[in-house]
Amino acid sequence: MLLDTAALYFRAFYGVPDTVRAPDGQPVNAVRGLLDIIARLVAEYEPTDLVACWDDDWRPQWRVDLIPSYKAHRVAEEVAAGPDVEVVPDPLEAQVPVIRETLTALGIAIAGAAEHEADDVIGTLATTARMPVDVVTGDRDLFQLVDDARDVRVIYTARGMSNLEIVTDDAVRARYGVLPSQYADFATLRGDPSDGLPGVAGVGEKTAAALLVAHGDLAGIVAAAEAGEGMTPRVRASVLAALPYLEVAPAVVRVVRDLELAPMQTRLPVLDETAREKVSALAERWGLGASMTRVVAALDGAAR
């Protein structure tokens, strides 16, 4: 089970009231909410391995160099010598180190990679795994990883934890009319304002899907447009006008699948007495109460 950690703690932050606080008054709603999410996922899906995938760089410069508008609307401060600062509510930003400390104390693996997003870490681990994989995310960009043949699916959280959706090949086809292997090209054509991706002007989801069904992939669509075959004059003009974008966008949209990640112990943790004491101390310090109890109980249950 691969967690899109930032997506989950953002969801927790907005889903749990900020009146949930530590003894010192600091909000811990995101921490407690994330622990509750993990407890439910572990209890319900019973993974053997669990990795909290991390955004070591939420807006990699190499993606920005290709498409300058990439996530530009989410930049709080540009940093010349490192990752830009993302717009994050102050009460959440203060909780991120606590989240990381808590996951570490529980023995849950944390994986990130310099100059790459959590999506790229997830893509690499999902591609190289020798076991079935569940990707937990609210980001539909990761639908490109779905692969029934390799037993890779997405547990999609966009409708809330009480309405989790299991995304398989059939689910992607039913929703978008394309195969998961075509999803990155589909997203490139359609664009995504939330990521600052302009897409091809005049090409929405239905047209993007129709083009991919007819021509297979972006290369096939571009070839058909250049040959003046298999599409209306309007769509052909849009594709040709967007050629500079289409040359660079695929590298931005497709997740990286071949990162060299540091070795890690991904097996679901079994807490020994020393770990339990540390976890208990953290729970008391930060007022994590029943949320910590639930996640420990879920881990214990999975270990039986």
Protein backbone atom coordinates (compact mmCIF):
# COMPACT_ATOMS: atom_id res chain seq x y z
CA MET A 1 0.00 0.00 0.00
CA LEU A 2 1.47 3.30 -1.19
CA LEU A 3 0.17 6.46 0.47
CA ASP A 4 0.08 9.80 -1.33
CA THR A 5 0.88 11.28 2.05
CA ALA A 6 0.44 15.00 1.40
CA ALA A 7 -2.90 14.43 -0.31
CA LEU A 8 -4.07 12.49 2.74
CA TYR A 9 -2.89 14.95 5.37
CA PHE A 10 -4.41 17.86 3.43
CA ARG A 11 -7.69 15.90 3.40
CA ALA A 12 -7.33 15.24 7.12
CA PHE A 13 -6.60 18.91 7.85
CA TYR A 14 -9.77 20.10 6.13
CA GLY A 15 -11.86 17.17 7.36
CA VAL A 16 -11.11 17.37 11.08
CA PRO A 17 -11.92 20.56 13.05
CA ASP A 18 -8.93 22.67 14.03
CA THR A 19 -10.31 22.71 17.56
CA VAL A 20 -8.54 19.34 17.91
CA ARG A 21 -5.37 20.49 19.66
CA ALA A 22 -2.35 19.30 21.60
CA PRO A 23 -1.99 20.12 25.31
CA ASP A 24 0.10 23.16 24.37
CA GLY A 25 -2.69 24.48 22.13
CA GLN A 26 -1.16 23.60 18.75
CA PRO A 27 -3.67 22.18 16.27
CA VAL A 28 -3.16 18.46 15.60
CA ASN A 29 -6.24 17.86 13.45
CA ALA A 30 -4.16 16.81 10.42
CA VAL A 31 -2.03 14.46 12.52
CA ARG A 32 -5.01 12.78 14.14
CA GLY A 33 -6.97 12.69 10.89
CA LEU A 34 -4.09 11.04 9.04
CA LEU A 35 -3.67 8.43 11.78
CA ASP A 36 -7.38 7.64 11.55
CA ILE A 37 -7.10 7.30 7.77
CA ILE A 38 -4.14 4.92 8.08
CA ALA A 39 -5.93 2.92 10.78
CA ARG A 40 -8.95 2.44 8.54
CA LEU A 41 -6.91 1.55 5.47
CA VAL A 42 -4.80 -1.01 7.33
CA ALA A 43 -7.83 -2.60 9.00
CA GLU A 44 -9.92 -2.70 5.83
CA TYR A 45 -7.38 -3.66 3.17
CA GLU A 46 -4.85 -5.57 5.29
CA PRO A 47 -1.66 -4.63 3.42
CA THR A 48 1.50 -6.60 4.10
CA ASP A 49 3.67 -3.58 3.26
CA LEU A 50 3.04 0.13 3.74
CA VAL A 51 4.96 3.18 2.49
CA ALA A 52 4.20 6.84 3.16
CA CYS A 53 5.40 8.47 -0.07
CA TRP A 54 6.69 12.01 0.37
CA ASP A 55 7.01 15.16 -1.73
CA ASP A 56 10.70 15.93 -1.31
CA ASP A 57 10.07 18.52 -4.03
CA TRP A 58 6.41 19.32 -4.70
CA ARG A 59 7.25 21.38 -7.85
CA PRO A 60 10.47 20.04 -9.41
CA GLN A 61 12.43 22.60 -11.40
CA TRP A 62 12.82 20.22 -14.35
CA ARG A 63 9.04 20.13 -14.72
CA VAL A 64 8.83 23.92 -14.39
CA ASP A 65 11.55 24.33 -17.05
CA LEU A 66 9.31 22.38 -19.45
CA ILE A 67 6.04 24.11 -18.50
CA PRO A 68 6.59 27.32 -16.47
CA SER A 69 2.93 27.45 -15.42
CA TYR A 70 3.20 24.08 -13.68
CA LYS A 71 1.66 24.56 -10.21
CA ALA A 72 2.65 28.23 -10.41
CA HIS A 73 -0.56 29.39 -8.71
CA ARG A 74 0.39 27.38 -5.61
CA VAL A 75 3.78 29.05 -5.07
CA ALA A 76 4.02 31.08 -1.88
CA GLU A 77 7.72 31.93 -2.30
CA GLU A 78 10.26 31.15 -5.01
CA VAL A 79 13.54 29.68 -3.75
CA ALA A 80 16.61 29.88 -5.96
CA ALA A 81 18.62 27.08 -4.34
CA GLY A 82 15.87 24.59 -3.54
CA PRO A 83 12.19 23.70 -3.82
CA ASP A 84 9.77 26.63 -3.95
CA VAL A 85 7.61 27.16 -0.89
CA GLU A 86 4.06 25.89 -1.42
CA VAL A 87 0.97 27.70 -0.21
CA VAL A 88 0.13 25.72 2.92
CA PRO A 89 -2.04 26.99 5.78
CA ASP A 90 0.20 27.83 8.76
CA PRO A 91 -1.66 25.48 11.14
CA LEU A 92 -1.04 22.60 8.72
CA GLU A 93 2.59 23.48 8.01
CA ALA A 94 3.33 23.30 11.73
CA GLN A 95 1.91 19.77 11.84
CA VAL A 96 3.95 18.28 9.01
CA PRO A 97 7.05 17.62 11.18
CA VAL A 98 4.79 16.03 13.81
CA ILE A 99 3.27 13.80 11.13
CA ARG A 100 6.69 12.69 10.02
CA GLU A 101 7.84 12.12 13.62
CA THR A 102 4.73 10.06 14.34
CA LEU A 103 5.04 7.88 11.24
CA THR A 104 8.69 7.23 12.09
CA ALA A 105 7.83 6.26 15.66
CA LEU A 106 5.22 3.82 14.36
CA GLY A 107 7.82 2.24 12.08
CA ILE A 108 5.98 3.15 8.88
CA ALA A 109 8.40 3.56 5.96
CA ILE A 110 8.71 7.08 4.52
CA ALA A 111 10.04 7.39 0.96
CA GLY A 112 10.96 10.50 -0.98
CA ALA A 113 13.42 11.46 -3.69
CA ALA A 114 15.30 14.70 -4.31
CA GLU A 115 13.86 16.81 -7.15
CA HIS A 116 10.81 14.55 -7.41
CA GLU A 117 7.25 14.45 -6.18
CA ALA A 118 5.53 11.73 -4.21
CA ASP A 119 3.80 10.74 -7.48
CA ASP A 120 7.19 9.75 -8.89
CA VAL A 121 8.05 7.71 -5.80
CA ILE A 122 4.67 5.99 -6.07
CA GLY A 123 5.21 5.38 -9.78
CA THR A 124 8.58 3.78 -9.15
CA LEU A 125 7.41 1.58 -6.29
CA ALA A 126 4.25 0.51 -8.12
CA THR A 127 6.22 -0.35 -11.25
CA THR A 128 8.96 -2.31 -9.50
CA ALA A 129 6.79 -4.09 -6.92
CA ARG A 130 6.66 -7.86 -6.99
CA MET A 131 3.30 -7.99 -5.27
CA PRO A 132 -0.17 -6.46 -5.73
CA VAL A 133 -0.22 -2.70 -5.13
CA ASP A 134 -2.87 -0.34 -3.77
CA VAL A 135 -2.16 3.37 -4.36
CA VAL A 136 -4.12 5.58 -1.97
CA THR A 137 -4.68 9.06 -3.39
CA GLY A 138 -7.18 11.72 -4.32
CA ASP A 139 -5.10 12.63 -7.39
CA ARG A 140 -6.51 11.23 -10.61
CA ASP A 141 -3.14 11.71 -12.34
CA LEU A 142 -2.13 8.43 -10.69
CA PHE A 143 -4.80 6.58 -12.67
CA GLN A 144 -2.02 6.15 -15.24
CA LEU A 145 -0.51 3.51 -12.94
CA VAL A 146 -3.61 1.30 -12.83
CA ASP A 147 -2.84 -2.09 -14.36
CA ASP A 148 -5.09 -5.11 -13.84
CA ALA A 149 -2.49 -7.43 -15.35
CA ARG A 150 -0.01 -6.46 -12.63
CA ASP A 151 -2.68 -6.06 -9.93
CA VAL A 152 -2.05 -2.34 -9.46
CA ARG A 153 -5.13 -0.36 -8.50
CA VAL A 154 -5.97 3.02 -6.98
CA ILE A 155 -7.99 3.51 -3.80
CA TYR A 156 -9.45 6.90 -4.72
CA THR A 157 -10.28 9.23 -1.83
CA ALA A 158 -11.77 12.21 -3.70
CA ARG A 159 -15.30 11.52 -2.42
CA GLY A 160 -14.15 11.07 1.17
CA MET A 161 -13.06 8.19 3.33
CA SER A 162 -16.63 6.97 3.67
CA ASN A 163 -16.94 6.69 -0.12
CA LEU A 164 -13.65 5.14 -1.21
CA GLU A 165 -13.57 4.04 -4.84
CA ILE A 166 -11.48 1.16 -6.15
CA VAL A 167 -10.13 2.18 -9.55
CA THR A 168 -9.26 -0.63 -11.95
CA ASP A 169 -8.86 -0.83 -15.73
CA ASP A 170 -12.64 -1.06 -16.17
CA ALA A 171 -13.25 1.92 -13.91
CA VAL A 172 -10.88 4.13 -15.92
CA ARG A 173 -12.43 2.98 -19.21
CA ALA A 174 -15.95 3.54 -17.88
CA ARG A 175 -15.20 7.03 -16.59
CA TYR A 176 -12.98 8.40 -19.35
CA GLY A 177 -13.24 6.06 -22.34
CA VAL A 178 -9.50 5.36 -22.39
CA LEU A 179 -7.14 2.72 -21.05
CA PRO A 180 -5.04 3.50 -17.98
CA SER A 181 -1.97 3.27 -20.25
CA GLN A 182 -3.49 6.16 -22.25
CA TYR A 183 -4.43 8.24 -19.24
CA ALA A 184 -1.29 10.41 -19.17
CA ASP A 185 -1.80 11.34 -22.83
CA PHE A 186 -5.49 11.96 -22.09
CA ALA A 187 -4.56 14.30 -19.22
CA THR A 188 -2.02 16.08 -21.43
CA LEU A 189 -4.64 16.78 -24.07
CA ARG A 190 -7.37 17.77 -21.62
CA GLY A 191 -5.13 19.86 -19.39
CA ASP A 192 -5.57 20.44 -15.68
CA PRO A 193 -5.99 23.95 -14.24
CA SER A 194 -5.24 22.64 -10.72
CA ASP A 195 -1.72 21.77 -11.91
CA GLY A 196 -1.31 24.71 -14.27
CA LEU A 197 -1.42 22.51 -17.38
CA PRO A 198 -3.13 24.37 -20.24
CA GLY A 199 -4.01 21.37 -22.38
CA VAL A 200 -4.93 21.70 -26.04
CA ALA A 201 -7.34 24.56 -26.67
CA GLY A 202 -10.80 23.29 -27.58
CA VAL A 203 -10.03 19.69 -26.64
CA GLY A 204 -12.03 18.50 -23.66
CA GLU A 205 -12.41 15.06 -22.18
CA LYS A 206 -14.72 13.64 -24.86
CA THR A 207 -12.58 14.85 -27.74
CA ALA A 208 -9.37 13.71 -26.05
CA ALA A 209 -10.82 10.25 -25.51
CA ALA A 210 -12.09 10.04 -29.10
CA LEU A 211 -8.68 11.02 -30.46
CA LEU A 212 -6.92 8.38 -28.35
CA VAL A 213 -9.39 5.68 -29.35
CA ALA A 214 -8.84 6.55 -33.01
CA HIS A 215 -5.07 7.08 -32.96
CA GLY A 216 -3.73 5.22 -29.93
CA ASP A 217 -1.45 7.79 -28.35
CA LEU A 218 -0.13 11.33 -28.68
CA ALA A 219 2.36 10.38 -31.37
CA GLY A 220 -0.45 8.87 -33.41
CA ILE A 221 -2.63 11.94 -32.91
CA VAL A 222 0.14 14.32 -33.97
CA ALA A 223 0.94 12.18 -37.03
CA ALA A 224 -2.73 12.17 -38.04
CA ALA A 225 -2.96 15.94 -37.58
CA GLU A 226 0.14 16.54 -39.67
CA ALA A 227 -1.24 14.24 -42.38
CA GLY A 228 -4.64 15.93 -42.25
CA GLU A 229 -6.44 12.65 -41.56
CA GLY A 230 -8.85 11.26 -38.98
CA MET A 231 -10.07 14.46 -37.30
CA THR A 232 -12.11 17.55 -38.01
CA PRO A 233 -10.40 20.67 -39.36
CA ARG A 234 -11.04 22.46 -36.07
CA VAL A 235 -9.47 19.75 -33.95
CA ARG A 236 -6.59 19.38 -36.40
CA ALA A 237 -5.88 23.11 -36.18
CA SER A 238 -5.94 22.93 -32.37
CA VAL A 239 -3.51 20.01 -32.27
CA LEU A 240 -1.11 21.64 -34.71
CA ALA A 241 -1.23 24.93 -32.80
CA ALA A 242 -0.40 23.06 -29.60
CA LEU A 243 2.64 21.17 -30.96
CA PRO A 244 5.19 23.06 -28.80
CA TYR A 245 3.14 22.18 -25.71
CA LEU A 246 2.65 18.56 -26.79
CA GLU A 247 6.40 18.13 -27.23
CA VAL A 248 7.13 18.86 -23.57
CA ALA A 249 3.95 18.17 -21.61
CA PRO A 250 4.14 14.35 -21.60
CA ALA A 251 7.36 14.45 -19.56
CA VAL A 252 5.59 16.65 -17.01
CA VAL A 253 2.38 14.61 -16.80
CA ARG A 254 3.85 11.10 -16.80
CA VAL A 255 5.10 9.95 -13.42
CA VAL A 256 8.68 8.79 -13.20
CA ARG A 257 8.93 5.02 -12.81
CA ASP A 258 12.66 4.40 -12.49
CA LEU A 259 13.96 6.41 -9.53
CA GLU A 260 16.86 5.04 -7.52
CA LEU A 261 15.29 4.97 -4.09
CA ALA A 262 17.15 4.32 -0.86
CA PRO A 263 16.63 0.82 0.55
CA MET A 264 13.80 0.69 3.08
CA GLN A 265 11.92 -1.75 5.25
CA THR A 266 8.38 -1.60 3.88
CA ARG A 267 6.88 -4.48 5.85
CA LEU A 268 3.99 -3.45 8.05
CA PRO A 269 5.60 -2.67 11.42
CA VAL A 270 5.32 -4.90 14.46
CA LEU A 271 5.69 -2.67 17.49
CA ASP A 272 8.00 -3.91 20.27
CA GLU A 273 7.89 -2.60 23.81
CA THR A 274 10.42 0.18 23.14
CA ALA A 275 8.41 1.39 20.14
CA ARG A 276 5.18 1.31 22.13
CA GLU A 277 6.72 3.46 24.85
CA LYS A 278 7.89 6.00 22.29
CA VAL A 279 4.50 6.02 20.56
CA SER A 280 2.75 6.44 23.90
CA ALA A 281 4.99 9.38 24.82
CA LEU A 282 4.27 11.04 21.47
CA ALA A 283 0.55 10.47 21.87
CA GLU A 284 0.64 12.13 25.31
CA ARG A 285 2.83 15.01 24.16
CA TRP A 286 0.66 15.86 21.16
CA GLY A 287 -2.74 14.82 22.48
CA LEU A 288 -3.23 12.16 19.82
CA GLY A 289 -5.42 10.05 22.09
CA ALA A 290 -7.86 7.67 20.41
CA SER A 291 -6.35 8.25 16.96
CA MET A 292 -3.02 6.77 18.06
CA THR A 293 -4.82 3.97 19.87
CA ARG A 294 -6.74 3.09 16.69
CA VAL A 295 -3.69 3.03 14.43
CA VAL A 296 -1.71 0.90 16.89
CA ALA A 297 -4.66 -1.48 17.17
CA ALA A 298 -4.88 -1.71 13.37
CA LEU A 299 -1.17 -2.49 13.09
CA ASP A 300 -1.45 -5.09 15.85
CA GLY A 301 -4.44 -6.67 14.15
CA ALA A 302 -2.66 -6.87 10.82
CA ALA A 303 0.34 -8.53 12.48
CA ARG A 304 -1.75 -11.42 13.82
